[in-house]
């Protein structure tokens, strides 16, 4: 599986474009997606789906453009579905914007498998940053959304956040992955499971 990172939007969201055998998916298009659209068209890819790891505005803002351009399916966990349709719930209303997305075409749950060509991604429920937060995993790669960052973790002081739930999600679902697993977060630089086990101040004994 090939992938490319696009850093987009005011909050510099990491938007990931993945592809295998010309079939493509986008994870967290959180702002203007002109570069993403151009890359897909220029490389003759067929966009099958758009996955939002959670429903905050900075992870869904490009959904409508991608959906209209490629007729790709929008996918999100059911606990965050209403955030697609509500600027108050996706928090864009609080910064003077009214970002909404088309409704989800498919509701995701823990254990679902997403396919691109001959490749597969496993949906891992990782609530805590939001009630419906998810991560996507294939051997060697973890797309962690706003659950786990380089030496940090997702915020839990926003509506729907739960610190203890987030820590449990990370410890029980993510840190048990192989230590060499590359972690591709929703913001900031890439890390690995092994590095976070050793040096993340939120996860190491004090």
Protein backbone atom coordinates (compact mmCIF):
# COMPACT_ATOMS: atom_id res chain seq x y z
CA UNK A 1 0.00 0.00 0.00
CA UNK A 2 1.26 3.44 -0.95
CA UNK A 3 0.33 6.60 0.90
CA UNK A 4 0.98 10.31 0.82
CA UNK A 5 0.50 12.93 3.51
CA UNK A 6 -1.09 16.31 2.82
CA UNK A 7 -0.94 18.91 5.60
CA UNK A 8 -4.08 20.98 5.19
CA UNK A 9 -6.29 23.53 6.95
CA UNK A 10 -5.63 26.13 9.62
CA UNK A 11 -4.90 23.45 12.23
CA UNK A 12 -2.46 21.65 9.92
CA UNK A 13 -4.32 18.37 9.84
CA UNK A 14 -2.48 15.38 8.41
CA UNK A 15 -4.71 14.16 5.59
CA UNK A 16 -3.63 10.78 4.25
CA UNK A 17 -4.22 9.49 0.73
CA UNK A 18 -3.77 5.72 0.42
CA UNK A 19 -3.87 3.59 -2.69
CA UNK A 20 -3.37 0.03 -3.92
CA UNK A 21 -3.98 -1.26 -7.45
CA UNK A 22 -5.31 2.20 -8.41
CA UNK A 23 -8.02 2.07 -5.72
CA UNK A 24 -7.68 4.93 -3.23
CA UNK A 25 -8.98 6.10 0.12
CA UNK A 26 -8.62 9.36 2.02
CA UNK A 27 -8.32 9.66 5.80
CA UNK A 28 -9.24 12.93 7.53
CA UNK A 29 -9.58 15.58 4.80
CA UNK A 30 -9.65 18.45 7.26
CA UNK A 31 -9.48 21.48 4.99
CA UNK A 32 -9.13 22.56 1.37
CA UNK A 33 -8.43 19.43 -0.67
CA UNK A 34 -7.34 20.93 -3.99
CA UNK A 35 -3.94 19.23 -3.82
CA UNK A 36 -5.55 15.90 -2.94
CA UNK A 37 -8.00 16.12 -5.84
CA UNK A 38 -5.23 17.06 -8.27
CA UNK A 39 -3.04 14.17 -7.12
CA UNK A 40 -5.86 11.64 -7.48
CA UNK A 41 -6.70 12.83 -10.99
CA UNK A 42 -3.10 13.18 -12.12
CA UNK A 43 -2.28 9.63 -11.06
CA UNK A 44 -5.45 8.02 -12.41
CA UNK A 45 -6.65 6.79 -9.03
CA UNK A 46 -10.23 5.79 -8.22
CA UNK A 47 -11.29 7.19 -4.85
CA UNK A 48 -13.49 4.61 -3.12
CA UNK A 49 -13.91 5.98 0.38
CA UNK A 50 -13.30 8.82 2.80
CA UNK A 51 -12.76 7.87 6.45
CA UNK A 52 -13.04 10.36 9.28
CA UNK A 53 -11.21 9.11 12.37
CA UNK A 54 -13.55 11.37 14.34
CA UNK A 55 -16.04 14.14 13.71
CA UNK A 56 -14.22 17.38 14.54
CA UNK A 57 -14.33 20.02 11.83
CA UNK A 58 -10.59 19.90 11.19
CA UNK A 59 -10.96 16.27 10.09
CA UNK A 60 -14.15 16.50 7.98
CA UNK A 61 -13.99 19.87 6.20
CA UNK A 62 -12.98 18.39 2.83
CA UNK A 63 -15.60 15.63 2.81
CA UNK A 64 -18.09 17.48 0.64
CA UNK A 65 -15.63 18.37 -2.11
CA UNK A 66 -14.25 14.84 -2.33
CA UNK A 67 -17.73 13.33 -2.27
CA UNK A 68 -18.98 15.65 -5.02
CA UNK A 69 -15.88 15.17 -7.15
CA UNK A 70 -15.46 11.40 -6.92
CA UNK A 71 -18.73 10.08 -5.45
CA UNK A 72 -16.71 8.35 -2.74
CA UNK A 73 -18.37 6.91 0.34
CA UNK A 74 -18.02 8.78 3.62
CA UNK A 75 -17.36 6.52 6.62
CA UNK A 76 -17.27 7.31 10.34
CA UNK A 77 -18.00 5.57 13.63
CA UNK A 78 -21.65 5.76 14.62
CA UNK A 79 -20.94 7.64 17.85
CA UNK A 80 -19.56 10.60 15.85
CA UNK A 81 -22.02 10.51 12.96
CA UNK A 82 -24.09 13.49 14.12
CA UNK A 83 -20.96 15.63 14.22
CA UNK A 84 -20.84 15.53 10.42
CA UNK A 85 -24.11 17.44 10.21
CA UNK A 86 -23.82 19.86 13.14
CA UNK A 87 -21.40 22.82 13.34
CA UNK A 88 -22.08 22.97 17.08
CA UNK A 89 -21.10 19.34 17.61
CA UNK A 90 -18.08 19.38 15.27
CA UNK A 91 -16.99 22.62 16.99
CA UNK A 92 -16.72 24.76 13.85
CA UNK A 93 -19.51 27.00 15.16
CA UNK A 94 -17.32 28.08 18.05
CA UNK A 95 -14.74 29.62 15.71
CA UNK A 96 -17.30 31.44 13.59
CA UNK A 97 -17.63 28.84 10.86
CA UNK A 98 -20.44 26.53 9.82
CA UNK A 99 -18.68 23.46 8.51
CA UNK A 100 -20.85 20.48 7.70
CA UNK A 101 -20.39 17.28 5.75
CA UNK A 102 -22.71 15.08 3.77
CA UNK A 103 -24.09 12.30 5.94
CA UNK A 104 -22.17 9.05 6.31
CA UNK A 105 -22.69 6.40 3.65
CA UNK A 106 -21.35 3.70 5.96
CA UNK A 107 -21.10 3.48 9.74
CA UNK A 108 -17.90 1.90 10.99
CA UNK A 109 -17.44 -0.25 14.08
CA UNK A 110 -14.56 -1.95 15.82
CA UNK A 111 -13.23 -4.86 13.80
CA UNK A 112 -14.48 -3.73 10.40
CA UNK A 113 -12.17 -4.27 7.44
CA UNK A 114 -11.63 -1.63 4.75
CA UNK A 115 -10.19 -2.74 1.42
CA UNK A 116 -8.18 -1.01 -1.28
CA UNK A 117 -7.11 -3.28 -4.11
CA UNK A 118 -5.45 -6.27 -2.46
CA UNK A 119 -4.76 -4.42 0.80
CA UNK A 120 -6.82 -4.32 4.00
CA UNK A 121 -7.09 -1.94 6.95
CA UNK A 122 -8.54 -2.89 10.33
CA UNK A 123 -10.82 -0.45 12.14
CA UNK A 124 -9.85 -0.15 15.82
CA UNK A 125 -12.22 1.73 18.11
CA UNK A 126 -10.18 4.22 20.17
CA UNK A 127 -12.69 6.48 21.94
CA UNK A 128 -11.62 9.18 24.36
CA UNK A 129 -10.79 12.21 22.23
CA UNK A 130 -14.36 11.84 20.96
CA UNK A 131 -16.90 9.08 21.68
CA UNK A 132 -16.49 7.66 18.17
CA UNK A 133 -12.76 7.99 17.67
CA UNK A 134 -11.15 5.26 15.59
CA UNK A 135 -7.72 4.27 14.32
CA UNK A 136 -6.90 2.28 11.17
CA UNK A 137 -4.25 -0.43 11.17
CA UNK A 138 -2.42 -2.63 8.74
CA UNK A 139 0.77 -4.46 9.70
CA UNK A 140 3.48 -1.85 10.03
CA UNK A 141 1.22 1.22 9.85
CA UNK A 142 -1.26 2.84 12.23
CA UNK A 143 -3.37 5.85 11.25
CA UNK A 144 -4.13 7.13 14.74
CA UNK A 145 -6.27 10.22 14.17
CA UNK A 146 -6.19 12.41 17.29
CA UNK A 147 -5.76 9.49 19.69
CA UNK A 148 -1.96 9.21 19.88
CA UNK A 149 0.69 11.76 18.91
CA UNK A 150 4.46 12.05 19.04
CA UNK A 151 5.10 12.13 22.81
CA UNK A 152 1.53 13.27 23.42
CA UNK A 153 -2.12 12.22 23.31
CA UNK A 154 -5.38 13.69 22.07
CA UNK A 155 -7.19 16.44 23.94
CA UNK A 156 -9.97 15.38 26.27
CA UNK A 157 -11.13 18.82 27.46
CA UNK A 158 -13.52 19.27 24.53
CA UNK A 159 -17.16 18.13 24.55
CA UNK A 160 -17.33 14.34 24.52
CA UNK A 161 -13.73 13.90 25.63
CA UNK A 162 -12.86 11.38 28.36
CA UNK A 163 -9.28 11.21 29.62
CA UNK A 164 -9.49 7.81 31.31
CA UNK A 165 -11.21 6.32 28.28
CA UNK A 166 -8.53 7.72 25.97
CA UNK A 167 -5.69 6.32 28.09
CA UNK A 168 -7.44 2.95 28.15
CA UNK A 169 -7.88 3.03 24.36
CA UNK A 170 -4.19 3.72 23.87
CA UNK A 171 -2.91 1.20 26.40
CA UNK A 172 -5.30 -1.64 25.55
CA UNK A 173 -5.70 -1.19 21.79
CA UNK A 174 -2.63 0.59 20.40
CA UNK A 175 0.37 -0.07 22.64
CA UNK A 176 -0.13 -3.80 22.18
CA UNK A 177 0.70 -3.47 18.49
CA UNK A 178 4.26 -4.38 17.43
CA UNK A 179 6.74 -1.73 18.65
CA UNK A 180 8.06 -1.12 15.14
CA UNK A 181 4.59 -0.01 13.98
CA UNK A 182 4.77 3.45 12.40
CA UNK A 183 2.19 5.81 13.89
CA UNK A 184 0.72 8.39 11.51
CA UNK A 185 -1.16 10.88 13.69
CA UNK A 186 -3.84 13.44 12.89
CA UNK A 187 -1.40 16.30 13.53
CA UNK A 188 2.34 16.61 13.85
CA UNK A 189 5.19 14.26 13.13
CA UNK A 190 5.31 10.52 12.68
CA UNK A 191 6.35 8.27 15.56
CA UNK A 192 6.34 4.57 16.44
CA UNK A 193 4.58 2.46 19.04
CA UNK A 194 7.95 1.58 20.55
CA UNK A 195 8.96 5.21 20.95
CA UNK A 196 5.69 6.12 22.65
CA UNK A 197 6.00 3.16 25.01
CA UNK A 198 9.40 4.47 26.10
CA UNK A 199 9.06 8.24 26.03
CA UNK A 200 5.46 9.44 25.97
CA UNK A 201 5.05 11.30 29.30
CA UNK A 202 1.32 10.50 29.40
CA UNK A 203 1.96 6.76 29.12
CA UNK A 204 5.19 6.13 31.06
CA UNK A 205 5.36 5.74 34.85
CA UNK A 206 6.13 8.98 36.65
